Amino acid sequence: MTQGLPYRRFAGFYFFYFAYLGAFAPFFSLYLLAAGHSAFEIGVLMALPAVGRILAPHLWGWLADTGGRRMGLVRATTAAGLVCYAGVFAGTGFAWLFAVLLATSFFLAAALPLVDANTLEHLGEDTGRYGPVRVWGSLGYIVAVVAVGHALDWFPVSALLWIVAGMLAGMLAYCWLLPEARAAAHASDALPIWHIVKRPEVVALIAACALMAAAHGPYYTFYSIHVVAHGYSKAVTGWLWALGVICEIGIFVWMPYLVRAFSLRAILIASFALAVARFLLIGWGADSLALLLLAQSMHAASFGSFHAAAIAMVHRLFRGRHQTRGQAIYGSLSFGLGGGLGALASGYLWGAVGAQWTFTLAAFCALTGGILAWRAAPGSGRTA
């Protein structure tokens, strides 16, 4: 039990939220391919969840800060997101799916930054324990990605639509169990939030995180297509996704010890360096299962340690009443803007230069982000 946090309730939310992602992100591109969409259209449609995270979290964060009830807002927006998602059963046209996925993403963009802010408020200064709570999201992702990978070898790809709906329903159910945490007063409360955002170390951190998210654009959009094209089954593809998240679980469990031994900044820079190697291996080593396995093990760094370190640094930079909007800014500009641009660019590059050079450019984005992360000085000291 994590002190100060109703562990099982938050674990259940993270489990279903990331189970939804585990069903949607790796396999929805296969559904779109079967529906007759081009690589460019797939790139556009798969970018919409990230697009929804660009502007929507700022609105939801502002409403949560002014209204003072994060969890009530999470429940309302998650219910609206599920209603919008039901539109996928009504048609497969590009314009229709564009509207449905954009609306769904707009509402679902509220959940993670608001719940993360609530979780960190419960944890207080013990941010290293975020990992053991968040690890349940990784478990949910593994269960979904493995189960869906096997299911799609036996059932038509359209079955994916019902699976994703079920995950969203489970997420909505757990939203009603999450208790509210009040933000502690802080000396920076009187300052406008942009006074914090414009600080050089904050700009460097957010830009670095956006580049890391952009680097993952080809991975989240085309990895399944890339692997299947090299002769691997959908079940093997699912297990490759799962391996990455299994390694991510290990780093989340280990994170409280890792942050005692190294600074958050050092962890972040190491994560970028390993991400460069990972995307080069995926792009140029897909014919070798051993190299793909090695690359997937590096998901522990390119997402696991990266996200845990980044979110802790954001928590230290945005305090008191700025906590929710600080997490929203991190999510929207990194996973939203960065991830959206990465997905859109991958849709164009995939057809223009091929898989290998697309992943090479992803590695270059990670390298550039690592250079910027070098300037992200907050959290440079070890935590107790």
Protein backbone atom coordinates (compact mmCIF):
# COMPACT_ATOMS: atom_id res chain seq x y z
CA MET A 1 0.00 0.00 0.00
CA THR A 2 1.39 3.38 -1.02
CA GLN A 3 1.12 5.70 1.98
CA GLY A 4 -1.47 8.48 1.59
CA LEU A 5 -2.98 6.92 -1.56
CA PRO A 6 -5.97 4.57 -1.98
CA TYR A 7 -3.76 2.24 -3.98
CA ARG A 8 -6.27 -0.24 -5.39
CA ARG A 9 -8.63 2.39 -6.75
CA PHE A 10 -5.90 4.26 -8.61
CA ALA A 11 -4.36 0.96 -9.75
CA GLY A 12 -7.70 -0.04 -11.27
CA PHE A 13 -8.02 3.22 -13.17
CA TYR A 14 -4.49 3.02 -14.56
CA PHE A 15 -5.06 -0.64 -15.49
CA PHE A 16 -8.11 0.08 -17.65
CA TYR A 17 -6.82 3.37 -19.08
CA PHE A 18 -3.68 1.72 -20.42
CA ALA A 19 -5.55 -1.45 -21.38
CA TYR A 20 -7.58 0.82 -23.65
CA LEU A 21 -4.35 2.20 -25.12
CA GLY A 22 -2.96 -1.34 -25.44
CA ALA A 23 -5.96 -2.35 -27.51
CA PHE A 24 -6.19 0.83 -29.57
CA ALA A 25 -2.66 2.10 -30.27
CA PRO A 26 -0.97 -1.09 -31.60
CA PHE A 27 -3.90 -2.52 -33.56
CA PHE A 28 -6.28 0.20 -34.72
CA SER A 29 -3.96 0.89 -37.65
CA LEU A 30 -4.57 -2.72 -38.78
CA TYR A 31 -8.31 -2.07 -38.64
CA LEU A 32 -7.86 1.08 -40.72
CA LEU A 33 -5.70 -0.81 -43.23
CA ALA A 34 -8.39 -3.49 -43.56
CA ALA A 35 -10.98 -0.72 -44.06
CA GLY A 36 -9.04 0.43 -47.14
CA HIS A 37 -7.30 3.56 -45.87
CA SER A 38 -3.94 4.68 -47.29
CA ALA A 39 -0.75 5.05 -45.24
CA PHE A 40 -1.24 8.83 -45.18
CA GLU A 41 -4.86 8.51 -44.00
CA ILE A 42 -3.81 6.02 -41.33
CA GLY A 43 -1.12 8.43 -40.16
CA VAL A 44 -3.67 11.27 -39.94
CA LEU A 45 -6.28 9.20 -38.09
CA MET A 46 -3.77 7.67 -35.68
CA ALA A 47 -2.45 11.17 -34.93
CA LEU A 48 -5.84 12.38 -33.70
CA PRO A 49 -5.49 11.08 -30.09
CA ALA A 50 -2.29 13.11 -29.87
CA VAL A 51 -3.99 16.12 -31.50
CA GLY A 52 -6.72 15.90 -28.87
CA ARG A 53 -4.04 16.14 -26.21
CA ILE A 54 -2.66 19.43 -27.59
CA LEU A 55 -5.41 21.89 -26.63
CA ALA A 56 -7.99 19.91 -24.66
CA PRO A 57 -5.89 19.35 -21.49
CA HIS A 58 -5.46 23.12 -21.07
CA LEU A 59 -9.23 23.56 -21.02
CA TRP A 60 -9.74 20.63 -18.66
CA GLY A 61 -6.85 21.72 -16.43
CA TRP A 62 -8.21 25.27 -16.20
CA LEU A 63 -11.70 23.97 -15.36
CA ALA A 64 -10.28 21.60 -12.75
CA ASP A 65 -8.22 24.36 -11.11
CA THR A 66 -11.08 26.87 -11.05
CA GLY A 67 -13.78 24.38 -10.07
CA GLY A 68 -11.62 22.47 -7.60
CA ARG A 69 -13.07 19.06 -8.53
CA ARG A 70 -10.70 17.13 -10.77
CA MET A 71 -12.41 13.77 -10.39
CA GLY A 72 -15.88 15.06 -11.21
CA LEU A 73 -14.49 16.45 -14.44
CA VAL A 74 -12.71 13.16 -15.22
CA ARG A 75 -15.98 11.24 -14.81
CA ALA A 76 -17.93 13.60 -17.07
CA THR A 77 -15.33 13.74 -19.85
CA THR A 78 -14.70 9.98 -19.81
CA ALA A 79 -18.44 9.30 -20.17
CA ALA A 80 -18.59 11.76 -23.07
CA GLY A 81 -15.56 10.10 -24.68
CA LEU A 82 -17.21 6.68 -24.53
CA VAL A 83 -20.38 8.05 -26.15
CA CYS A 84 -18.35 9.65 -28.95
CA TYR A 85 -16.32 6.47 -29.50
CA ALA A 86 -19.54 4.54 -30.22
CA GLY A 87 -19.53 6.36 -33.55
CA VAL A 88 -16.88 3.95 -34.92
CA PHE A 89 -19.65 1.38 -35.33
CA ALA A 90 -21.55 3.68 -37.70
CA GLY A 91 -19.11 3.92 -40.62
CA THR A 92 -15.58 3.51 -41.97
CA GLY A 93 -15.22 6.61 -44.18
CA PHE A 94 -12.20 8.82 -43.60
CA ALA A 95 -14.20 11.99 -42.82
CA TRP A 96 -16.52 10.14 -40.44
CA LEU A 97 -13.73 8.42 -38.53
CA PHE A 98 -11.81 11.69 -38.42
CA ALA A 99 -14.75 13.39 -36.67
CA VAL A 100 -15.41 10.46 -34.33
CA LEU A 101 -11.79 9.98 -33.25
CA LEU A 102 -11.18 13.71 -32.83
CA ALA A 103 -14.25 14.10 -30.58
CA THR A 104 -13.33 10.99 -28.60
CA SER A 105 -9.77 12.20 -28.15
CA PHE A 106 -10.92 15.67 -27.07
CA PHE A 107 -12.85 14.26 -24.11
CA LEU A 108 -10.48 11.43 -23.17
CA ALA A 109 -7.56 13.89 -23.08
CA ALA A 110 -8.78 15.05 -19.65
CA ALA A 111 -8.31 11.76 -17.83
CA LEU A 112 -4.58 11.10 -17.55
CA PRO A 113 -3.18 14.57 -16.66
CA LEU A 114 -5.93 15.17 -14.10
CA VAL A 115 -5.57 11.75 -12.51
CA ASP A 116 -1.76 12.03 -12.55
CA ALA A 117 -2.00 15.39 -10.78
CA ASN A 118 -4.39 13.88 -8.24
CA THR A 119 -2.07 10.90 -7.70
CA LEU A 120 0.97 13.11 -7.15
CA GLU A 121 -0.95 15.30 -4.69
CA HIS A 122 -1.78 12.18 -2.67
CA LEU A 123 1.91 11.16 -2.76
CA GLY A 124 3.22 14.59 -1.72
CA GLU A 125 7.01 14.78 -1.88
CA ASP A 126 7.40 11.01 -2.30
CA THR A 127 7.18 11.17 -6.09
CA GLY A 128 9.43 8.13 -6.51
CA ARG A 129 6.42 6.01 -5.53
CA TYR A 130 4.51 7.12 -8.61
CA GLY A 131 6.13 4.21 -10.49
CA PRO A 132 4.72 1.37 -8.32
CA VAL A 133 1.22 2.87 -8.74
CA ARG A 134 1.59 3.51 -12.46
CA VAL A 135 2.91 -0.01 -12.98
CA TRP A 136 -0.70 -1.24 -12.98
CA GLY A 137 -1.22 0.72 -16.16
CA SER A 138 1.64 -1.21 -17.71
CA LEU A 139 0.06 -4.49 -16.60
CA GLY A 140 -3.22 -3.44 -18.20
CA TYR A 141 -1.39 -2.61 -21.42
CA ILE A 142 0.27 -6.04 -21.46
CA VAL A 143 -2.98 -7.91 -20.85
CA ALA A 144 -4.67 -5.98 -23.65
CA VAL A 145 -1.90 -6.14 -26.22
CA VAL A 146 -1.33 -9.89 -25.78
CA ALA A 147 -5.02 -10.78 -25.66
CA VAL A 148 -5.88 -8.63 -28.67
CA GLY A 149 -2.91 -9.93 -30.66
CA HIS A 150 -4.12 -13.52 -30.18
CA ALA A 151 -7.78 -12.59 -30.70
CA LEU A 152 -7.11 -10.98 -34.06
CA ASP A 153 -5.48 -14.19 -35.31
CA TRP A 154 -8.84 -15.91 -34.72
CA PHE A 155 -11.45 -13.20 -35.20
CA PRO A 156 -11.94 -10.47 -37.81
CA VAL A 157 -10.13 -7.24 -37.11
CA SER A 158 -13.51 -5.51 -36.61
CA ALA A 159 -13.74 -7.30 -33.23
CA LEU A 160 -11.20 -4.73 -32.05
CA LEU A 161 -13.93 -2.07 -31.93
CA TRP A 162 -15.84 -3.97 -29.22
CA ILE A 163 -12.69 -4.71 -27.23
CA VAL A 164 -11.74 -1.03 -27.09
CA ALA A 165 -15.29 -0.13 -26.01
CA GLY A 166 -15.05 -2.63 -23.16
CA MET A 167 -11.78 -1.13 -21.92
CA LEU A 168 -13.28 2.36 -21.95
CA ALA A 169 -16.28 1.11 -19.98
CA GLY A 170 -13.96 -0.35 -17.32
CA MET A 171 -12.05 2.92 -17.14
CA LEU A 172 -15.29 4.87 -16.64
CA ALA A 173 -16.35 2.53 -13.83
CA TYR A 174 -13.12 3.16 -11.90
CA CYS A 175 -13.39 6.93 -12.37
CA TRP A 176 -16.23 6.89 -9.84
CA LEU A 177 -13.98 5.35 -7.17
CA LEU A 178 -11.14 7.89 -7.26
CA PRO A 179 -11.07 10.28 -4.28
CA GLU A 180 -10.25 13.96 -4.64
CA ALA A 181 -6.97 15.37 -3.30
CA ARG A 182 -6.65 19.04 -2.43
CA ALA A 183 -3.64 20.91 -3.79
CA ALA A 184 -1.37 22.15 -1.01
CA ALA A 185 -0.73 25.90 -0.91
CA HIS A 186 2.59 27.01 -2.37
CA ALA A 187 4.54 30.28 -2.59
CA SER A 188 4.19 30.29 -6.40
CA ASP A 189 0.38 30.35 -6.23
CA ALA A 190 0.28 34.13 -6.68
CA LEU A 191 2.34 33.95 -9.88
CA PRO A 192 0.71 33.45 -13.30
CA ILE A 193 1.49 30.01 -14.71
CA TRP A 194 3.30 31.49 -17.74
CA HIS A 195 5.86 32.95 -15.34
CA ILE A 196 6.88 29.32 -14.74
CA VAL A 197 6.46 28.11 -18.32
CA LYS A 198 8.86 30.70 -19.79
CA ARG A 199 11.78 29.70 -17.55
CA PRO A 200 14.65 28.31 -19.70
CA GLU A 201 14.82 24.96 -17.91
CA VAL A 202 11.07 24.47 -18.33
CA VAL A 203 11.24 25.31 -22.05
CA ALA A 204 14.14 22.87 -22.49
CA LEU A 205 12.34 20.09 -20.61
CA ILE A 206 9.05 20.45 -22.51
CA ALA A 207 10.82 20.69 -25.88
CA ALA A 208 12.89 17.58 -25.10
CA CYS A 209 9.77 15.65 -24.08
CA ALA A 210 7.98 16.74 -27.26
CA LEU A 211 10.87 15.41 -29.35
CA MET A 212 10.79 12.09 -27.50
CA ALA A 213 7.05 11.81 -28.18
CA ALA A 214 7.63 12.69 -31.85
CA ALA A 215 10.29 9.98 -32.03
CA HIS A 216 7.65 7.46 -30.95
CA GLY A 217 5.29 8.54 -33.75
CA PRO A 218 6.39 5.85 -36.24
CA TYR A 219 6.48 3.26 -33.44
CA TYR A 220 2.92 3.78 -32.23
CA THR A 221 1.53 4.25 -35.74
CA PHE A 222 3.33 1.68 -37.88
CA TYR A 223 5.18 -0.79 -35.63
CA SER A 224 2.54 -3.53 -36.01
CA ILE A 225 2.39 -3.01 -39.79
CA HIS A 226 6.21 -2.98 -39.92
CA VAL A 227 6.55 -6.24 -37.98
CA VAL A 228 3.74 -8.08 -39.78
CA ALA A 229 5.29 -7.02 -43.12
CA HIS A 230 8.49 -8.83 -42.07
CA GLY A 231 6.59 -12.11 -41.70
CA TYR A 232 5.70 -12.16 -38.00
CA SER A 233 2.21 -13.20 -36.91
CA LYS A 234 -0.17 -10.89 -35.10
CA ALA A 235 0.27 -13.00 -31.96
CA VAL A 236 4.06 -12.54 -32.10
CA THR A 237 3.48 -8.84 -32.76
CA GLY A 238 1.35 -8.66 -29.63
CA TRP A 239 4.07 -10.36 -27.58
CA LEU A 240 6.67 -7.92 -28.90
CA TRP A 241 4.50 -5.04 -27.73
CA ALA A 242 4.04 -6.83 -24.42
CA LEU A 243 7.78 -7.36 -23.95
CA GLY A 244 8.35 -3.62 -24.14
CA VAL A 245 5.77 -3.02 -21.45
CA ILE A 246 7.08 -5.88 -19.27
CA CYS A 247 10.45 -4.12 -19.26
CA GLU A 248 8.63 -0.84 -18.55
CA ILE A 249 7.06 -2.51 -15.50
CA GLY A 250 10.50 -3.44 -14.22
CA ILE A 251 11.70 0.16 -14.42
CA PHE A 252 8.55 1.49 -12.73
CA VAL A 253 8.99 -0.94 -9.83
CA TRP A 254 12.67 -0.05 -9.59
CA MET A 255 12.10 3.70 -9.90
CA PRO A 256 12.05 4.53 -6.13
CA TYR A 257 15.55 3.02 -5.86
CA LEU A 258 16.76 4.53 -9.12
CA VAL A 259 15.91 8.10 -8.10
CA ARG A 260 17.84 7.62 -4.85
CA ALA A 261 20.96 6.63 -6.78
CA PHE A 262 20.81 9.06 -9.72
CA SER A 263 19.43 12.52 -10.43
CA LEU A 264 16.21 12.86 -12.42
CA ARG A 265 18.18 14.75 -15.07
CA ALA A 266 20.70 11.90 -15.44
CA ILE A 267 17.88 9.34 -15.74
CA LEU A 268 16.23 11.49 -18.40
CA ILE A 269 19.39 11.86 -20.50
CA ALA A 270 20.14 8.12 -20.32
CA SER A 271 16.57 7.43 -21.47
CA PHE A 272 17.09 9.56 -24.59
CA ALA A 273 20.38 7.85 -25.41
CA LEU A 274 18.81 4.39 -25.26
CA ALA A 275 15.86 5.60 -27.33
CA VAL A 276 18.25 6.51 -30.17
CA ALA A 277 19.63 2.97 -30.19
CA ARG A 278 16.16 1.46 -29.96
CA PHE A 279 14.68 3.16 -33.02
CA LEU A 280 17.73 2.37 -35.14
CA LEU A 281 17.39 -1.31 -34.19
CA ILE A 282 13.68 -1.35 -35.06
CA GLY A 283 14.26 0.31 -38.41
CA TRP A 284 17.26 -1.67 -39.60
CA GLY A 285 17.04 -4.92 -37.65
CA ALA A 286 13.45 -6.06 -38.16
CA ASP A 287 14.54 -9.23 -39.99
CA SER A 288 16.18 -10.44 -36.78
CA LEU A 289 13.85 -11.46 -33.94
CA ALA A 290 16.78 -11.17 -31.52
CA LEU A 291 17.33 -7.51 -32.46
CA LEU A 292 13.62 -6.78 -32.18
CA LEU A 293 13.61 -8.34 -28.70
CA LEU A 294 16.58 -6.20 -27.71
CA ALA A 295 14.91 -3.08 -29.09
CA GLN A 296 11.70 -3.81 -27.21
CA SER A 297 13.59 -4.23 -23.94
CA MET A 298 14.71 -0.61 -24.38
CA HIS A 299 11.10 0.53 -23.98
CA ALA A 300 12.01 0.52 -20.28
CA ALA A 301 14.06 3.63 -21.07
CA SER A 302 12.38 5.30 -24.06
CA PHE A 303 9.06 5.37 -22.20
CA GLY A 304 9.36 3.97 -18.65
CA SER A 305 12.24 5.83 -17.02
CA PHE A 306 11.70 8.80 -19.36
CA HIS A 307 8.07 9.31 -18.32
CA ALA A 308 8.65 8.68 -14.61
CA ALA A 309 11.55 11.16 -14.51
CA ALA A 310 9.77 13.76 -16.65
CA ILE A 311 6.54 13.72 -14.66
CA ALA A 312 8.48 14.04 -11.38
CA MET A 313 10.39 17.04 -12.78
CA VAL A 314 7.13 18.66 -13.88
CA HIS A 315 5.70 18.05 -10.39
CA ARG A 316 8.66 19.93 -8.88
CA LEU A 317 8.39 22.82 -11.32
CA PHE A 318 4.62 23.38 -11.12
CA ARG A 319 3.49 23.49 -7.51
CA GLY A 320 0.35 24.34 -5.55
CA ARG A 321 -2.55 25.54 -7.66
CA HIS A 322 -0.46 25.18 -10.84
CA GLN A 323 -0.07 21.41 -10.45
CA THR A 324 -2.96 20.32 -12.68
CA ARG A 325 -2.20 22.74 -15.49
CA GLY A 326 1.51 21.92 -15.23
CA GLN A 327 0.75 18.25 -15.96
CA ALA A 328 -1.63 19.36 -18.72
CA ILE A 329 1.09 21.48 -20.34
CA TYR A 330 3.52 18.56 -20.16
CA GLY A 331 0.99 16.15 -21.66
CA SER A 332 -0.33 18.46 -24.35
CA LEU A 333 2.97 19.80 -25.65
CA SER A 334 4.87 16.52 -25.41
CA PHE A 335 2.48 13.63 -26.10
CA GLY A 336 -0.03 15.94 -27.79
CA LEU A 337 1.93 18.27 -30.07
CA GLY A 338 5.08 16.15 -30.27
CA GLY A 339 3.25 12.85 -30.62
CA GLY A 340 0.79 14.28 -33.13
CA LEU A 341 3.51 15.73 -35.34
CA GLY A 342 5.44 12.47 -35.09
CA ALA A 343 2.43 10.42 -36.18
CA LEU A 344 1.58 12.80 -39.03
CA ALA A 345 5.16 12.90 -40.26
CA SER A 346 5.45 9.12 -40.10
CA GLY A 347 2.35 8.77 -42.29
CA TYR A 348 4.08 10.85 -44.98
CA LEU A 349 7.59 9.46 -44.53
CA TRP A 350 6.48 5.82 -44.53
CA GLY A 351 5.44 6.05 -48.15
CA ALA A 352 8.15 8.52 -49.20
CA VAL A 353 11.35 7.07 -47.74
CA GLY A 354 10.34 3.70 -46.28
CA ALA A 355 10.38 2.15 -42.84
CA GLN A 356 14.14 2.15 -42.25
CA TRP A 357 14.69 5.86 -42.82
CA THR A 358 11.48 6.76 -41.00
CA PHE A 359 12.80 5.07 -37.85
CA THR A 360 16.23 6.65 -38.46
CA LEU A 361 14.61 10.09 -38.36
CA ALA A 362 12.84 9.01 -35.17
CA ALA A 363 16.25 8.24 -33.68
CA PHE A 364 17.44 11.71 -34.73
CA CYS A 365 14.48 13.28 -32.88
CA ALA A 366 15.45 11.35 -29.75
CA LEU A 367 19.07 12.49 -30.11
CA THR A 368 18.02 16.14 -30.42
CA GLY A 369 15.73 15.75 -27.41
CA GLY A 370 18.58 14.31 -25.37
CA ILE A 371 20.72 17.35 -26.14
CA LEU A 372 17.91 19.62 -24.94
CA ALA A 373 17.36 17.48 -21.84
CA TRP A 374 20.95 18.24 -20.89
CA ARG A 375 19.73 21.80 -20.18
CA ALA A 376 16.78 20.66 -18.05
CA ALA A 377 18.50 21.34 -14.73
CA PRO A 378 15.60 20.88 -12.23
CA GLY A 379 15.80 17.66 -10.27
CA SER A 380 19.56 17.41 -10.71
CA GLY A 381 19.98 16.46 -7.10
CA ARG A 382 19.30 13.00 -5.73
CA THR A 383 16.05 12.47 -3.90
CA ALA A 384 15.89 11.20 -0.40
